[in-house]
Amino acid sequence: MDKGAGVYLHKKVGDKVKKGEPLFTIYAQFKADFNFAIVASDKEASYKIKAESSYI
């Protein structure tokens, strides 16, 4: 287990996000663990982004 690994969440549910703004940062002590996390995050998107309309 990589004790130097983790994910920092920059946003919480309901926060507004600007285009290009990071949602999370992945940390890992070992390159193999980092690469695994990158692939997993690409495959298993656990977030959904919806456009908010200002029109009623």
PDB file of N, CA and C in Angstrom:
ATOM      1  N   MET A   1       0.841  -1.171   0.000  1.00  0.00           N
ATOM      2  CA  MET A   1       0.000   0.000   0.000  1.00  0.00           C
ATOM      3  C   MET A   1       0.891   1.241   0.000  1.00  0.00           C
ATOM      4  N   ASP A   2       0.536   2.223  -0.805  1.00  0.00           N
ATOM      5  CA  ASP A   2       1.292   3.464  -0.926  1.00  0.00           C
ATOM      6  C   ASP A   2       0.759   4.476   0.075  1.00  0.00           C
ATOM      7  N   LYS A   3       1.468   4.655   1.193  1.00  0.00           N
ATOM      8  CA  LYS A   3       1.013   5.588   2.229  1.00  0.00           C
ATOM      9  C   LYS A   3       1.220   7.036   1.829  1.00  0.00           C
ATOM     10  N   GLY A   4       1.929   7.258   0.726  1.00  0.00           N
ATOM     11  CA  GLY A   4       2.119   8.606   0.218  1.00  0.00           C
ATOM     12  C   GLY A   4       1.111   8.945  -0.866  1.00  0.00           C
ATOM     13  N   ALA A   5       0.048   8.146  -0.973  1.00  0.00           N
ATOM     14  CA  ALA A   5      -0.947   8.341  -2.032  1.00  0.00           C
ATOM     15  C   ALA A   5      -2.223   8.943  -1.473  1.00  0.00           C
ATOM     16  N   GLY A   6      -2.923   9.649  -2.349  1.00  0.00           N
ATOM     17  CA  GLY A   6      -4.205  10.197  -1.942  1.00  0.00           C
ATOM     18  C   GLY A   6      -4.804  11.056  -3.034  1.00  0.00           C
ATOM     19  N   VAL A   7      -5.982  11.542  -2.738  1.00  0.00           N
ATOM     20  CA  VAL A   7      -6.691  12.415  -3.663  1.00  0.00           C
ATOM     21  C   VAL A   7      -7.135  13.646  -2.885  1.00  0.00           C
ATOM     22  N   TYR A   8      -6.830  14.810  -3.422  1.00  0.00           N
ATOM     23  CA  TYR A   8      -7.291  16.061  -2.834  1.00  0.00           C
ATOM     24  C   TYR A   8      -8.453  16.562  -3.675  1.00  0.00           C
ATOM     25  N   LEU A   9      -9.609  16.720  -3.054  1.00  0.00           N
ATOM     26  CA  LEU A   9     -10.792  17.198  -3.755  1.00  0.00           C
ATOM     27  C   LEU A   9     -10.838  18.730  -3.674  1.00  0.00           C
ATOM     28  N   HIS A  10     -10.777  19.374  -4.820  1.00  0.00           N
ATOM     29  CA  HIS A  10     -10.803  20.834  -4.867  1.00  0.00           C
ATOM     30  C   HIS A  10     -12.221  21.388  -4.747  1.00  0.00           C
ATOM     31  N   LYS A  11     -13.200  20.584  -5.099  1.00  0.00           N
ATOM     32  CA  LYS A  11     -14.593  21.027  -5.104  1.00  0.00           C
ATOM     33  C   LYS A  11     -15.468  20.029  -4.355  1.00  0.00           C
ATOM     34  N   LYS A  12     -16.569  20.568  -3.800  1.00  0.00           N
ATOM     35  CA  LYS A  12     -17.573  19.736  -3.147  1.00  0.00           C
ATOM     36  C   LYS A  12     -18.829  19.724  -4.006  1.00  0.00           C
ATOM     37  N   VAL A  13     -19.718  18.793  -3.721  1.00  0.00           N
ATOM     38  CA  VAL A  13     -20.991  18.721  -4.434  1.00  0.00           C
ATOM     39  C   VAL A  13     -21.710  20.059  -4.288  1.00  0.00           C
ATOM     40  N   GLY A  14     -22.132  20.592  -5.413  1.00  0.00           N
ATOM     41  CA  GLY A  14     -22.863  21.852  -5.409  1.00  0.00           C
ATOM     42  C   GLY A  14     -22.000  23.077  -5.672  1.00  0.00           C
ATOM     43  N   ASP A  15     -20.666  22.922  -5.589  1.00  0.00           N
ATOM     44  CA  ASP A  15     -19.770  24.045  -5.884  1.00  0.00           C
ATOM     45  C   ASP A  15     -19.812  24.367  -7.371  1.00  0.00           C
ATOM     46  N   LYS A  16     -19.687  25.617  -7.691  1.00  0.00           N
ATOM     47  CA  LYS A  16     -19.592  26.021  -9.092  1.00  0.00           C
ATOM     48  C   LYS A  16     -18.168  25.788  -9.564  1.00  0.00           C
ATOM     49  N   VAL A  17     -18.046  25.391 -10.824  1.00  0.00           N
ATOM     50  CA  VAL A  17     -16.746  25.093 -11.410  1.00  0.00           C
ATOM     51  C   VAL A  17     -16.608  25.862 -12.708  1.00  0.00           C
ATOM     52  N   LYS A  18     -15.477  26.528 -12.858  1.00  0.00           N
ATOM     53  CA  LYS A  18     -15.190  27.226 -14.109  1.00  0.00           C
ATOM     54  C   LYS A  18     -14.468  26.279 -15.057  1.00  0.00           C
ATOM     55  N   LYS A  19     -14.650  26.495 -16.357  1.00  0.00           N
ATOM     56  CA  LYS A  19     -13.999  25.665 -17.360  1.00  0.00           C
ATOM     57  C   LYS A  19     -12.487  25.666 -17.135  1.00  0.00           C
ATOM     58  N   GLY A  20     -11.902  24.477 -17.126  1.00  0.00           N
ATOM     59  CA  GLY A  20     -10.458  24.325 -16.945  1.00  0.00           C
ATOM     60  C   GLY A  20     -10.020  24.235 -15.489  1.00  0.00           C
ATOM     61  N   GLU A  21     -10.934  24.447 -14.565  1.00  0.00           N
ATOM     62  CA  GLU A  21     -10.610  24.400 -13.140  1.00  0.00           C
ATOM     63  C   GLU A  21     -10.515  22.942 -12.684  1.00  0.00           C
ATOM     64  N   PRO A  22      -9.489  22.569 -11.928  1.00  0.00           N
ATOM     65  CA  PRO A  22      -9.349  21.167 -11.510  1.00  0.00           C
ATOM     66  C   PRO A  22     -10.405  20.776 -10.486  1.00  0.00           C
ATOM     67  N   LEU A  23     -10.903  19.552 -10.596  1.00  0.00           N
ATOM     68  CA  LEU A  23     -11.844  19.012  -9.620  1.00  0.00           C
ATOM     69  C   LEU A  23     -11.114  18.273  -8.508  1.00  0.00           C
ATOM     70  N   PHE A  24     -10.007  17.614  -8.876  1.00  0.00           N
ATOM     71  CA  PHE A  24      -9.232  16.862  -7.891  1.00  0.00           C
ATOM     72  C   PHE A  24      -7.775  16.756  -8.334  1.00  0.00           C
ATOM     73  N   THR A  25      -6.913  16.442  -7.369  1.00  0.00           N
ATOM     74  CA  THR A  25      -5.495  16.194  -7.633  1.00  0.00           C
ATOM     75  C   THR A  25      -5.151  14.828  -7.062  1.00  0.00           C
ATOM     76  N   ILE A  26      -4.450  14.027  -7.845  1.00  0.00           N
ATOM     77  CA  ILE A  26      -4.026  12.692  -7.420  1.00  0.00           C
ATOM     78  C   ILE A  26      -2.560  12.757  -6.992  1.00  0.00           C
ATOM     79  N   TYR A  27      -2.269  12.180  -5.825  1.00  0.00           N
ATOM     80  CA  TYR A  27      -0.906  12.105  -5.309  1.00  0.00           C
ATOM     81  C   TYR A  27      -0.502  10.645  -5.176  1.00  0.00           C
ATOM     82  N   ALA A  28       0.754  10.327  -5.474  1.00  0.00           N
ATOM     83  CA  ALA A  28       1.272   8.979  -5.280  1.00  0.00           C
ATOM     84  C   ALA A  28       2.785   9.043  -5.131  1.00  0.00           C
ATOM     85  N   GLN A  29       3.303   8.224  -4.252  1.00  0.00           N
ATOM     86  CA  GLN A  29       4.737   8.168  -4.029  1.00  0.00           C
ATOM     87  C   GLN A  29       5.432   7.386  -5.141  1.00  0.00           C
ATOM     88  N   PHE A  30       4.732   6.377  -5.685  1.00  0.00           N
ATOM     89  CA  PHE A  30       5.313   5.519  -6.696  1.00  0.00           C
ATOM     90  C   PHE A  30       4.647   5.758  -8.052  1.00  0.00           C
ATOM     91  N   LYS A  31       5.453   5.811  -9.101  1.00  0.00           N
ATOM     92  CA  LYS A  31       4.959   6.093 -10.445  1.00  0.00           C
ATOM     93  C   LYS A  31       3.907   5.072 -10.889  1.00  0.00           C
ATOM     94  N   ALA A  32       4.117   3.808 -10.579  1.00  0.00           N
ATOM     95  CA  ALA A  32       3.154   2.771 -10.981  1.00  0.00           C
ATOM     96  C   ALA A  32       1.791   3.019 -10.336  1.00  0.00           C
ATOM     97  N   ASP A  33       1.792   3.427  -9.071  1.00  0.00           N
ATOM     98  CA  ASP A  33       0.529   3.718  -8.388  1.00  0.00           C
ATOM     99  C   ASP A  33      -0.143   4.948  -8.985  1.00  0.00           C
ATOM    100  N   PHE A  34       0.659   5.932  -9.338  1.00  0.00           N
ATOM    101  CA  PHE A  34       0.114   7.144  -9.957  1.00  0.00           C
ATOM    102  C   PHE A  34      -0.520   6.809 -11.304  1.00  0.00           C
ATOM    103  N   ASN A  35       0.184   6.030 -12.123  1.00  0.00           N
ATOM    104  CA  ASN A  35      -0.348   5.638 -13.428  1.00  0.00           C
ATOM    105  C   ASN A  35      -1.637   4.837 -13.288  1.00  0.00           C
ATOM    106  N   PHE A  36      -1.691   3.939 -12.293  1.00  0.00           N
ATOM    107  CA  PHE A  36      -2.906   3.168 -12.040  1.00  0.00           C
ATOM    108  C   PHE A  36      -4.061   4.101 -11.682  1.00  0.00           C
ATOM    109  N   ALA A  37      -3.811   5.077 -10.844  1.00  0.00           N
ATOM    110  CA  ALA A  37      -4.855   6.017 -10.423  1.00  0.00           C
ATOM    111  C   ALA A  37      -5.352   6.858 -11.591  1.00  0.00           C
ATOM    112  N   ILE A  38      -4.450   7.256 -12.472  1.00  0.00           N
ATOM    113  CA  ILE A  38      -4.838   8.044 -13.647  1.00  0.00           C
ATOM    114  C   ILE A  38      -5.760   7.224 -14.551  1.00  0.00           C
ATOM    115  N   VAL A  39      -5.377   5.977 -14.822  1.00  0.00           N
ATOM    116  CA  VAL A  39      -6.199   5.109 -15.676  1.00  0.00           C
ATOM    117  C   VAL A  39      -7.559   4.875 -15.014  1.00  0.00           C
ATOM    118  N   ALA A  40      -7.559   4.603 -13.717  1.00  0.00           N
ATOM    119  CA  ALA A  40      -8.815   4.349 -13.003  1.00  0.00           C
ATOM    120  C   ALA A  40      -9.719   5.575 -13.022  1.00  0.00           C
ATOM    121  N   SER A  41      -9.149   6.757 -12.868  1.00  0.00           N
ATOM    122  CA  SER A  41      -9.974   7.969 -12.854  1.00  0.00           C
ATOM    123  C   SER A  41     -10.550   8.265 -14.235  1.00  0.00           C
ATOM    124  N   ASP A  42      -9.840   7.880 -15.285  1.00  0.00           N
ATOM    125  CA  ASP A  42     -10.362   8.062 -16.644  1.00  0.00           C
ATOM    126  C   ASP A  42     -11.506   7.089 -16.933  1.00  0.00           C
ATOM    127  N   LYS A  43     -11.395   5.869 -16.427  1.00  0.00           N
ATOM    128  CA  LYS A  43     -12.404   4.836 -16.688  1.00  0.00           C
ATOM    129  C   LYS A  43     -13.652   5.020 -15.834  1.00  0.00           C
ATOM    130  N   GLU A  44     -13.460   5.371 -14.595  1.00  0.00           N
ATOM    131  CA  GLU A  44     -14.550   5.405 -13.621  1.00  0.00           C
ATOM    132  C   GLU A  44     -14.857   6.839 -13.187  1.00  0.00           C
ATOM    133  N   ALA A  45     -15.338   7.636 -14.091  1.00  0.00           N
ATOM    134  CA  ALA A  45     -15.687   9.013 -13.735  1.00  0.00           C
ATOM    135  C   ALA A  45     -16.795   8.980 -12.684  1.00  0.00           C
ATOM    136  N   SER A  46     -16.467   9.361 -11.478  1.00  0.00           N
ATOM    137  CA  SER A  46     -17.439   9.319 -10.385  1.00  0.00           C
ATOM    138  C   SER A  46     -18.085  10.681 -10.159  1.00  0.00           C
ATOM    139  N   TYR A  47     -18.014  11.510 -11.149  1.00  0.00           N
ATOM    140  CA  TYR A  47     -18.639  12.823 -11.047  1.00  0.00           C
ATOM    141  C   TYR A  47     -19.388  13.118 -12.340  1.00  0.00           C
ATOM    142  N   LYS A  48     -20.373  13.968 -12.234  1.00  0.00           N
ATOM    143  CA  LYS A  48     -21.130  14.391 -13.403  1.00  0.00           C
ATOM    144  C   LYS A  48     -21.178  15.911 -13.389  1.00  0.00           C
ATOM    145  N   ILE A  49     -21.008  16.481 -14.544  1.00  0.00           N
ATOM    146  CA  ILE A  49     -21.045  17.929 -14.665  1.00  0.00           C
ATOM    147  C   ILE A  49     -22.263  18.297 -15.488  1.00  0.00           C
ATOM    148  N   LYS A  50     -23.067  19.187 -14.972  1.00  0.00           N
ATOM    149  CA  LYS A  50     -24.217  19.645 -15.726  1.00  0.00           C
ATOM    150  C   LYS A  50     -24.135  21.155 -15.847  1.00  0.00           C
ATOM    151  N   ALA A  51     -24.545  21.613 -16.979  1.00  0.00           N
ATOM    152  CA  ALA A  51     -24.541  23.051 -17.226  1.00  0.00           C
ATOM    153  C   ALA A  51     -25.696  23.666 -16.468  1.00  0.00           C
ATOM    154  N   GLU A  52     -25.449  24.789 -15.887  1.00  0.00           N
ATOM    155  CA  GLU A  52     -26.484  25.518 -15.187  1.00  0.00           C
ATOM    156  C   GLU A  52     -26.954  26.663 -16.083  1.00  0.00           C
ATOM    157  N   SER A  53     -28.201  26.679 -16.339  1.00  0.00           N
ATOM    158  CA  SER A  53     -28.756  27.713 -17.214  1.00  0.00           C
ATOM    159  C   SER A  53     -29.240  28.882 -16.378  1.00  0.00           C
ATOM    160  N   SER A  54     -28.958  30.073 -16.838  1.00  0.00           N
ATOM    161  CA  SER A  54     -29.454  31.265 -16.139  1.00  0.00           C
ATOM    162  C   SER A  54     -30.784  31.726 -16.725  1.00  0.00           C
ATOM    163  N   TYR A  55     -31.272  30.972 -17.706  1.00  0.00           N
ATOM    164  CA  TYR A  55     -32.550  31.297 -18.338  1.00  0.00           C
ATOM    165  C   TYR A  55     -33.665  30.476 -17.706  1.00  0.00           C
ATOM    166  N   ILE A  56     -34.807  31.067 -17.533  1.00  0.00           N
ATOM    167  CA  ILE A  56     -35.958  30.341 -16.951  1.00  0.00           C
ATOM    168  C   ILE A  56     -36.959  30.065 -18.031  1.00  0.00           C
TER     169      ILE A  56
END
